[in-house]
Structure formats: structure tokens, C-alpha cells
Amino acid sequence: MAAAIFWVLAVLIGFLSLQSADSMPDIQVWDKIQHLIAYCMLTAAGLIAYPVRVWRVVIGCLIYGIFIEIAQGWIPGRFASIEDGLANSIGIGLAFGIFCLRSVRDR
């Protein structure tokens, strides 16, 4: 079930991230928090689904976030954003940190 959630989140994040700006609501302040939450949830789902592939999940989510940000440069009305990439990375790091703390606690 966790694997299905991970892949659905990955597709949903990709779909929403690659929509033209005309079809997206105008959200400024919450934009970075949305990125952080989305990538934290994606990474958490991946780590739960694939607990023996921690580094593959984390690096894969980082690469996915970077790819999405670069791809947005070709979408009308959208642009690649270092700040969004940083928010994505913080979300990934947060999920990874929680996963590591939980793993240490469970020993």
C-alpha cells in the first residue's frame, strides 16, 4: 500500500508541477510550504515503502525535484526556481531525519 501511495504522490506532484500558470491559483507565501510538505510526504511514503533502499529513495526524490524545477522552465508562465528546489530539499531532509530518528528509537 505504501508503494502505491508513493507512486501516486510522485505522479500527482509531477502533474501539478507541470501545469501552465494559467491553470494554477496565485499563491505566494504558502508556495514554499506546499513544496516542503509535498516532498516531505513523497519521501516519507518512499521510505516507508522501501525501507532498505533509503539512499535510493532520498536521492531519487532529490533528482525528481530538481528535474521538475528545470522542466518548469519550459512551461508557459512557469519558471525554474532555486527557492522551490530548496523547499523541496528541506522537505526531503525533514522526512529523512524523522525516518532516521525513528529507526534509532526502534532499535
Protein backbone atom coordinates (compact mmCIF):
# COMPACT_ATOMS: atom_id res chain seq x y z
CA MET A 1 0.00 0.00 0.00
CA ALA A 2 2.81 2.45 0.85
CA ALA A 3 4.42 1.82 -2.54
CA ALA A 4 1.15 2.70 -4.29
CA ILE A 5 0.85 5.89 -2.25
CA PHE A 6 4.45 6.80 -3.09
CA TRP A 7 3.92 6.39 -6.83
CA VAL A 8 0.55 8.18 -6.81
CA LEU A 9 2.14 11.11 -4.96
CA ALA A 10 5.02 11.18 -7.46
CA VAL A 11 2.61 11.33 -10.40
CA LEU A 12 0.38 13.91 -8.69
CA ILE A 13 3.32 16.16 -7.81
CA GLY A 14 4.63 15.90 -11.37
CA PHE A 15 1.21 16.61 -12.89
CA LEU A 16 0.50 19.62 -10.68
CA SER A 17 4.02 20.99 -11.02
CA LEU A 18 3.94 20.92 -14.80
CA GLN A 19 0.60 22.71 -15.29
CA SER A 20 0.69 26.08 -17.01
CA ALA A 21 0.49 29.09 -14.73
CA ASP A 22 -2.92 29.98 -16.17
CA SER A 23 -4.50 26.89 -14.60
CA MET A 24 -2.87 27.34 -11.17
CA PRO A 25 -4.12 29.50 -8.29
CA ASP A 26 -1.97 32.52 -7.41
CA ILE A 27 -0.40 31.55 -4.08
CA GLN A 28 2.73 33.35 -2.92
CA VAL A 29 3.68 32.83 0.73
CA TRP A 30 2.34 29.31 1.04
CA ASP A 31 4.03 28.16 -2.15
CA LYS A 32 7.28 27.17 -0.41
CA ILE A 33 5.41 25.43 2.41
CA GLN A 34 3.42 23.48 -0.18
CA HIS A 35 6.68 22.35 -1.80
CA LEU A 36 8.12 21.35 1.58
CA ILE A 37 5.01 19.37 2.56
CA ALA A 38 4.66 17.68 -0.84
CA TYR A 39 8.25 16.45 -0.95
CA CYS A 40 8.23 15.51 2.73
CA MET A 41 5.14 13.35 2.13
CA LEU A 42 6.62 11.86 -1.05
CA THR A 43 9.89 10.98 0.68
CA ALA A 44 8.15 9.63 3.78
CA ALA A 45 5.95 7.38 1.64
CA GLY A 46 9.02 6.19 -0.27
CA LEU A 47 10.96 5.45 2.91
CA ILE A 48 8.05 3.50 4.37
CA ALA A 49 7.53 1.59 1.12
CA TYR A 50 11.22 0.88 0.54
CA PRO A 51 12.95 0.92 3.96
CA VAL A 52 16.02 -0.99 2.75
CA ARG A 53 16.56 1.46 -0.12
CA VAL A 54 16.85 4.64 1.95
CA TRP A 55 19.54 6.33 -0.13
CA ARG A 56 17.86 5.45 -3.41
CA VAL A 57 14.61 6.99 -2.19
CA VAL A 58 16.25 10.16 -0.86
CA ILE A 59 18.50 10.71 -3.88
CA GLY A 60 15.67 9.77 -6.24
CA CYS A 61 13.36 12.35 -4.65
CA LEU A 62 16.09 15.00 -4.85
CA ILE A 63 16.70 14.28 -8.53
CA TYR A 64 12.94 14.24 -9.20
CA GLY A 65 12.52 17.63 -7.52
CA ILE A 66 15.41 19.12 -9.50
CA PHE A 67 14.07 17.65 -12.75
CA ILE A 68 10.60 19.12 -12.08
CA GLU A 69 12.06 22.55 -11.35
CA ILE A 70 14.12 22.52 -14.56
CA ALA A 71 11.14 21.26 -16.60
CA GLN A 72 9.02 24.15 -15.31
CA GLY A 73 11.28 26.46 -17.29
CA TRP A 74 9.63 25.17 -20.47
CA ILE A 75 6.04 25.50 -19.23
CA PRO A 76 4.23 28.72 -20.28
CA GLY A 77 4.01 31.13 -17.37
CA ARG A 78 6.18 28.95 -15.11
CA PHE A 79 9.87 29.20 -14.30
CA ALA A 80 12.56 27.18 -12.60
CA SER A 81 13.09 28.36 -9.03
CA ILE A 82 16.08 27.74 -6.78
CA GLU A 83 13.87 28.65 -3.81
CA ASP A 84 11.34 25.96 -4.75
CA GLY A 85 14.17 23.45 -5.14
CA LEU A 86 15.44 24.40 -1.69
CA ALA A 87 11.95 23.97 -0.21
CA ASN A 88 11.73 20.55 -1.90
CA SER A 89 15.11 19.59 -0.44
CA ILE A 90 14.16 20.72 3.06
CA GLY A 91 11.01 18.58 2.87
CA ILE A 92 13.07 15.58 1.76
CA GLY A 93 15.59 16.21 4.56
CA LEU A 94 12.82 16.51 7.12
CA ALA A 95 11.32 13.16 6.14
CA PHE A 96 14.77 11.56 6.10
CA GLY A 97 15.58 12.99 9.54
CA ILE A 98 12.34 11.72 11.04
CA PHE A 99 12.91 8.32 9.45
CA CYS A 100 16.44 8.14 10.92
CA LEU A 101 15.29 9.20 14.39
CA ARG A 102 12.52 6.63 14.29
CA SER A 103 14.95 3.93 13.16
CA VAL A 104 17.33 4.72 16.03
CA ARG A 105 14.49 4.76 18.54
CA ASP A 106 13.17 1.38 17.35
CA ARG A 107 16.50 -0.39 17.94
